[in-house]
Amino acid sequence: MEHPQEPRWLTPEEMESWLALVSVLIKLPAALDGQLLRDAGVSHFEYQVLAGLSMTPERTMRMSDLAMISEGSLSRLSHVVNRLEKRGWVRRAPDPDDGRYTLAILTEEGWEKVVETAPGHVEAVRGFVFDALTKAQIRQLREIGRRITHAIDPGDSCLDRHPATARPEPDPDPTLNREPS
């Protein structure tokens, strides 16, 4: 009869690190949600969707790709996009290249919402995360985040995602993505 292998219990140092990470995983999303709801009337997930669209060419993306960058299921994204459509910030259209896909398109009003919301959000991110860290710790945080993400999903690349807290760049062509009159 084989004996089951003894679990690899955490050392005291690993346990302290794990509990610190768990605390961040619980408190940071709630803090970001709270700031965005209070200051802009959107959830963190809604903001991730709007910001994701704002940083793509023509502010347009397939719903399936948007679900991946926003770390949500297609079902959850569909519900959120419904709410964003009702507020006039996003619209949907069939993909002209492949009708099996649906495009999410950030409207001009949605762009304005991102531009209005981004400064407060980035200030919250700085206050909650970066202001307490040295430059070396910020680099370590990036590397740690990448390594943990890779351990969870080796095919995932943090580098391929949009930086939702980057400053929205002004449109080089103000006629891009304007709604038809």
C-alpha atoms as a PDB file:
ATOM      1  CA  MET A   1       0.000   0.000   0.000  1.00  0.00           C
ATOM      2  CA  GLU A   2       1.372   3.375  -1.014  1.00  0.00           C
ATOM      3  CA  HIS A   3       1.589   6.178   1.507  1.00  0.00           C
ATOM      4  CA  PRO A   4       0.304   9.544   0.335  1.00  0.00           C
ATOM      5  CA  GLN A   5       2.977  12.150   0.042  1.00  0.00           C
ATOM      6  CA  GLU A   6       3.139  14.598   2.937  1.00  0.00           C
ATOM      7  CA  PRO A   7       1.783  18.040   1.939  1.00  0.00           C
ATOM      8  CA  ARG A   8       4.390  20.717   1.365  1.00  0.00           C
ATOM      9  CA  TRP A   9       3.293  22.932   4.255  1.00  0.00           C
ATOM     10  CA  LEU A  10       4.160  26.610   4.134  1.00  0.00           C
ATOM     11  CA  THR A  11       7.093  27.824   6.168  1.00  0.00           C
ATOM     12  CA  PRO A  12       6.375  30.652   8.636  1.00  0.00           C
ATOM     13  CA  GLU A  13       7.855  33.170   6.177  1.00  0.00           C
ATOM     14  CA  GLU A  14       5.796  31.752   3.294  1.00  0.00           C
ATOM     15  CA  MET A  15       2.655  31.856   5.463  1.00  0.00           C
ATOM     16  CA  GLU A  16       3.226  35.535   6.308  1.00  0.00           C
ATOM     17  CA  SER A  17       3.765  36.305   2.608  1.00  0.00           C
ATOM     18  CA  TRP A  18       0.686  34.307   1.595  1.00  0.00           C
ATOM     19  CA  LEU A  19      -1.531  36.061   4.136  1.00  0.00           C
ATOM     20  CA  ALA A  20      -0.224  39.465   2.984  1.00  0.00           C
ATOM     21  CA  LEU A  21      -1.063  38.543  -0.630  1.00  0.00           C
ATOM     22  CA  VAL A  22      -4.535  37.277   0.334  1.00  0.00           C
ATOM     23  CA  SER A  23      -5.167  40.553   2.132  1.00  0.00           C
ATOM     24  CA  VAL A  24      -4.216  42.515  -1.001  1.00  0.00           C
ATOM     25  CA  LEU A  25      -6.369  40.258  -3.190  1.00  0.00           C
ATOM     26  CA  ILE A  26      -9.383  40.973  -0.980  1.00  0.00           C
ATOM     27  CA  LYS A  27      -8.862  44.623  -0.076  1.00  0.00           C
ATOM     28  CA  LEU A  28      -7.490  46.141  -3.303  1.00  0.00           C
ATOM     29  CA  PRO A  29     -10.415  45.209  -5.581  1.00  0.00           C
ATOM     30  CA  ALA A  30     -12.883  46.496  -2.968  1.00  0.00           C
ATOM     31  CA  ALA A  31     -10.926  49.750  -2.584  1.00  0.00           C
ATOM     32  CA  LEU A  32     -10.741  50.299  -6.364  1.00  0.00           C
ATOM     33  CA  ASP A  33     -14.430  49.481  -6.771  1.00  0.00           C
ATOM     34  CA  GLY A  34     -15.306  51.872  -3.966  1.00  0.00           C
ATOM     35  CA  GLN A  35     -13.299  54.745  -5.449  1.00  0.00           C
ATOM     36  CA  LEU A  36     -14.733  54.272  -8.941  1.00  0.00           C
ATOM     37  CA  LEU A  37     -18.323  53.868  -7.735  1.00  0.00           C
ATOM     38  CA  ARG A  38     -18.058  56.912  -5.479  1.00  0.00           C
ATOM     39  CA  ASP A  39     -16.258  59.197  -7.927  1.00  0.00           C
ATOM     40  CA  ALA A  40     -17.489  58.007 -11.330  1.00  0.00           C
ATOM     41  CA  GLY A  41     -20.533  55.779 -10.803  1.00  0.00           C
ATOM     42  CA  VAL A  42     -18.904  52.738 -12.445  1.00  0.00           C
ATOM     43  CA  SER A  43     -17.546  49.485 -11.059  1.00  0.00           C
ATOM     44  CA  HIS A  44     -13.911  48.512 -11.504  1.00  0.00           C
ATOM     45  CA  PHE A  45     -14.930  45.874 -14.044  1.00  0.00           C
ATOM     46  CA  GLU A  46     -16.985  48.414 -16.015  1.00  0.00           C
ATOM     47  CA  TYR A  47     -14.022  50.779 -16.006  1.00  0.00           C
ATOM     48  CA  GLN A  48     -11.688  47.989 -17.197  1.00  0.00           C
ATOM     49  CA  VAL A  49     -14.022  47.396 -20.147  1.00  0.00           C
ATOM     50  CA  LEU A  50     -14.213  51.099 -21.041  1.00  0.00           C
ATOM     51  CA  ALA A  51     -10.468  51.603 -20.602  1.00  0.00           C
ATOM     52  CA  GLY A  52      -9.711  48.461 -22.610  1.00  0.00           C
ATOM     53  CA  LEU A  53     -11.742  49.783 -25.523  1.00  0.00           C
ATOM     54  CA  SER A  54     -10.227  53.258 -25.204  1.00  0.00           C
ATOM     55  CA  MET A  55      -6.744  51.914 -25.841  1.00  0.00           C
ATOM     56  CA  THR A  56      -7.479  49.941 -28.998  1.00  0.00           C
ATOM     57  CA  PRO A  57      -7.391  51.074 -32.616  1.00  0.00           C
ATOM     58  CA  GLU A  58     -10.661  52.792 -33.454  1.00  0.00           C
ATOM     59  CA  ARG A  59     -11.763  52.048 -29.861  1.00  0.00           C
ATOM     60  CA  THR A  60     -13.214  48.770 -31.112  1.00  0.00           C
ATOM     61  CA  MET A  61     -12.648  45.176 -30.081  1.00  0.00           C
ATOM     62  CA  ARG A  62     -14.288  41.787 -30.499  1.00  0.00           C
ATOM     63  CA  MET A  63     -16.305  40.889 -27.414  1.00  0.00           C
ATOM     64  CA  SER A  64     -14.331  37.640 -26.983  1.00  0.00           C
ATOM     65  CA  ASP A  65     -11.020  39.553 -26.960  1.00  0.00           C
ATOM     66  CA  LEU A  66     -12.430  42.177 -24.603  1.00  0.00           C
ATOM     67  CA  ALA A  67     -13.499  39.409 -22.203  1.00  0.00           C
ATOM     68  CA  MET A  68      -9.908  38.147 -22.145  1.00  0.00           C
ATOM     69  CA  ILE A  69      -8.270  41.516 -21.422  1.00  0.00           C
ATOM     70  CA  SER A  70     -10.852  42.442 -18.820  1.00  0.00           C
ATOM     71  CA  GLU A  71     -10.449  39.049 -17.091  1.00  0.00           C
ATOM     72  CA  GLY A  72     -14.142  38.277 -17.301  1.00  0.00           C
ATOM     73  CA  SER A  73     -16.290  35.591 -18.875  1.00  0.00           C
ATOM     74  CA  LEU A  74     -18.102  36.375 -22.102  1.00  0.00           C
ATOM     75  CA  SER A  75     -21.388  36.069 -20.200  1.00  0.00           C
ATOM     76  CA  ARG A  76     -20.332  38.565 -17.527  1.00  0.00           C
ATOM     77  CA  LEU A  77     -18.970  40.925 -20.175  1.00  0.00           C
ATOM     78  CA  SER A  78     -22.220  40.731 -22.127  1.00  0.00           C
ATOM     79  CA  HIS A  79     -24.211  41.808 -19.048  1.00  0.00           C
ATOM     80  CA  VAL A  80     -21.797  44.670 -18.358  1.00  0.00           C
ATOM     81  CA  VAL A  81     -21.810  45.831 -21.977  1.00  0.00           C
ATOM     82  CA  ASN A  82     -25.629  45.841 -21.843  1.00  0.00           C
ATOM     83  CA  ARG A  83     -25.432  48.275 -18.906  1.00  0.00           C
ATOM     84  CA  LEU A  84     -22.776  50.382 -20.659  1.00  0.00           C
ATOM     85  CA  GLU A  85     -24.917  50.475 -23.825  1.00  0.00           C
ATOM     86  CA  LYS A  86     -27.895  51.765 -21.830  1.00  0.00           C
ATOM     87  CA  ARG A  87     -25.690  54.599 -20.576  1.00  0.00           C
ATOM     88  CA  GLY A  88     -24.597  55.414 -24.129  1.00  0.00           C
ATOM     89  CA  TRP A  89     -20.916  54.563 -23.551  1.00  0.00           C
ATOM     90  CA  VAL A  90     -20.608  51.446 -25.719  1.00  0.00           C
ATOM     91  CA  ARG A  91     -22.424  50.069 -28.730  1.00  0.00           C
ATOM     92  CA  ARG A  92     -22.282  46.677 -30.381  1.00  0.00           C
ATOM     93  CA  ALA A  93     -22.124  45.775 -34.045  1.00  0.00           C
ATOM     94  CA  PRO A  94     -21.489  42.629 -36.067  1.00  0.00           C
ATOM     95  CA  ASP A  95     -17.849  42.211 -37.074  1.00  0.00           C
ATOM     96  CA  PRO A  96     -17.763  43.096 -40.806  1.00  0.00           C
ATOM     97  CA  ASP A  97     -14.777  40.734 -41.272  1.00  0.00           C
ATOM     98  CA  ASP A  98     -16.535  37.760 -39.684  1.00  0.00           C
ATOM     99  CA  GLY A  99     -20.222  37.969 -38.819  1.00  0.00           C
ATOM    100  CA  ARG A 100     -19.849  35.232 -36.184  1.00  0.00           C
ATOM    101  CA  TYR A 101     -18.237  37.828 -33.909  1.00  0.00           C
ATOM    102  CA  THR A 102     -19.666  40.896 -32.238  1.00  0.00           C
ATOM    103  CA  LEU A 103     -17.664  44.094 -31.859  1.00  0.00           C
ATOM    104  CA  ALA A 104     -17.832  46.352 -28.829  1.00  0.00           C
ATOM    105  CA  ILE A 105     -17.289  49.983 -29.797  1.00  0.00           C
ATOM    106  CA  LEU A 106     -16.573  52.809 -27.384  1.00  0.00           C
ATOM    107  CA  THR A 107     -18.810  55.768 -28.219  1.00  0.00           C
ATOM    108  CA  GLU A 108     -17.716  59.380 -27.979  1.00  0.00           C
ATOM    109  CA  GLU A 109     -19.638  59.618 -24.687  1.00  0.00           C
ATOM    110  CA  GLY A 110     -17.787  56.517 -23.473  1.00  0.00           C
ATOM    111  CA  TRP A 111     -14.453  58.083 -24.432  1.00  0.00           C
ATOM    112  CA  GLU A 112     -15.399  61.203 -22.490  1.00  0.00           C
ATOM    113  CA  LYS A 113     -16.279  59.026 -19.475  1.00  0.00           C
ATOM    114  CA  VAL A 114     -12.834  57.366 -19.588  1.00  0.00           C
ATOM    115  CA  VAL A 115     -11.075  60.737 -19.899  1.00  0.00           C
ATOM    116  CA  GLU A 116     -13.123  62.085 -16.972  1.00  0.00           C
ATOM    117  CA  THR A 117     -12.599  58.969 -14.799  1.00  0.00           C
ATOM    118  CA  ALA A 118      -8.941  58.131 -15.482  1.00  0.00           C
ATOM    119  CA  PRO A 119      -7.306  60.862 -13.339  1.00  0.00           C
ATOM    120  CA  GLY A 120      -9.123  59.827 -10.146  1.00  0.00           C
ATOM    121  CA  HIS A 121      -8.564  56.154 -10.837  1.00  0.00           C
ATOM    122  CA  VAL A 122      -4.838  56.513 -11.460  1.00  0.00           C
ATOM    123  CA  GLU A 123      -4.538  58.610  -8.295  1.00  0.00           C
ATOM    124  CA  ALA A 124      -6.246  55.814  -6.340  1.00  0.00           C
ATOM    125  CA  VAL A 125      -3.921  53.207  -7.871  1.00  0.00           C
ATOM    126  CA  ARG A 126      -0.905  55.353  -6.975  1.00  0.00           C
ATOM    127  CA  GLY A 127      -2.167  55.852  -3.430  1.00  0.00           C
ATOM    128  CA  PHE A 128      -3.121  52.220  -2.828  1.00  0.00           C
ATOM    129  CA  VAL A 129      -0.114  50.608  -4.538  1.00  0.00           C
ATOM    130  CA  PHE A 130       2.776  52.644  -5.878  1.00  0.00           C
ATOM    131  CA  ASP A 131       3.271  55.481  -3.377  1.00  0.00           C
ATOM    132  CA  ALA A 132       4.183  52.973  -0.670  1.00  0.00           C
ATOM    133  CA  LEU A 133       6.838  51.244  -2.818  1.00  0.00           C
ATOM    134  CA  THR A 134      10.358  52.061  -3.934  1.00  0.00           C
ATOM    135  CA  LYS A 135      11.296  51.842  -7.624  1.00  0.00           C
ATOM    136  CA  ALA A 136      13.034  48.527  -6.926  1.00  0.00           C
ATOM    137  CA  GLN A 137       9.921  47.190  -5.181  1.00  0.00           C
ATOM    138  CA  ILE A 138       7.762  48.262  -8.140  1.00  0.00           C
ATOM    139  CA  ARG A 139      10.008  46.255 -10.475  1.00  0.00           C
ATOM    140  CA  GLN A 140       9.809  43.308  -8.055  1.00  0.00           C
ATOM    141  CA  LEU A 141       6.023  43.603  -7.911  1.00  0.00           C
ATOM    142  CA  ARG A 142       5.851  43.483 -11.723  1.00  0.00           C
ATOM    143  CA  GLU A 143       8.070  40.401 -11.855  1.00  0.00           C
ATOM    144  CA  ILE A 144       6.196  38.678  -9.033  1.00  0.00           C
ATOM    145  CA  GLY A 145       2.862  39.393 -10.740  1.00  0.00           C
ATOM    146  CA  ARG A 146       4.147  37.988 -14.035  1.00  0.00           C
ATOM    147  CA  ARG A 147       5.522  34.849 -12.390  1.00  0.00           C
ATOM    148  CA  ILE A 148       2.334  34.136 -10.460  1.00  0.00           C
ATOM    149  CA  THR A 149       0.219  34.774 -13.552  1.00  0.00           C
ATOM    150  CA  HIS A 150       2.449  32.420 -15.561  1.00  0.00           C
ATOM    151  CA  ALA A 151       2.156  29.706 -12.874  1.00  0.00           C
ATOM    152  CA  ILE A 152      -1.634  29.992 -13.036  1.00  0.00           C
ATOM    153  CA  ASP A 153      -1.892  30.311 -16.822  1.00  0.00           C
ATOM    154  CA  PRO A 154       1.330  29.741 -18.817  1.00  0.00           C
ATOM    155  CA  GLY A 155      -0.350  31.033 -21.997  1.00  0.00           C
ATOM    156  CA  ASP A 156      -1.329  34.348 -20.407  1.00  0.00           C
ATOM    157  CA  SER A 157       0.879  37.360 -20.951  1.00  0.00           C
ATOM    158  CA  CYS A 158       0.508  40.414 -18.726  1.00  0.00           C
ATOM    159  CA  LEU A 159       2.522  42.315 -21.308  1.00  0.00           C
ATOM    160  CA  ASP A 160      -0.178  41.911 -23.952  1.00  0.00           C
ATOM    161  CA  ARG A 161      -2.800  43.678 -21.836  1.00  0.00           C
ATOM    162  CA  HIS A 162      -3.691  47.313 -21.893  1.00  0.00           C
ATOM    163  CA  PRO A 163      -2.577  49.523 -19.025  1.00  0.00           C
ATOM    164  CA  ALA A 164      -5.970  50.627 -17.728  1.00  0.00           C
ATOM    165  CA  THR A 165      -4.403  53.337 -15.608  1.00  0.00           C
ATOM    166  CA  ALA A 166      -2.400  54.912 -18.399  1.00  0.00           C
ATOM    167  CA  ARG A 167      -3.367  58.434 -19.349  1.00  0.00           C
ATOM    168  CA  PRO A 168      -5.786  58.438 -22.287  1.00  0.00           C
ATOM    169  CA  GLU A 169      -4.066  59.903 -25.309  1.00  0.00           C
ATOM    170  CA  PRO A 170      -5.891  62.576 -27.279  1.00  0.00           C
ATOM    171  CA  ASP A 171      -7.265  61.434 -30.584  1.00  0.00           C
ATOM    172  CA  PRO A 172      -4.942  62.298 -33.466  1.00  0.00           C
ATOM    173  CA  ASP A 173      -8.048  62.417 -35.655  1.00  0.00           C
ATOM    174  CA  PRO A 174     -11.125  63.731 -33.815  1.00  0.00           C
ATOM    175  CA  THR A 175     -13.420  62.220 -36.462  1.00  0.00           C
ATOM    176  CA  LEU A 176     -12.401  58.673 -35.500  1.00  0.00           C
ATOM    177  CA  ASN A 177     -15.184  56.550 -34.038  1.00  0.00           C
ATOM    178  CA  ARG A 178     -17.768  59.326 -34.020  1.00  0.00           C
ATOM    179  CA  GLU A 179     -21.307  58.101 -33.884  1.00  0.00           C
ATOM    180  CA  PRO A 180     -23.317  58.586 -37.066  1.00  0.00           C
ATOM    181  CA  SER A 181     -25.538  61.659 -36.885  1.00  0.00           C
END
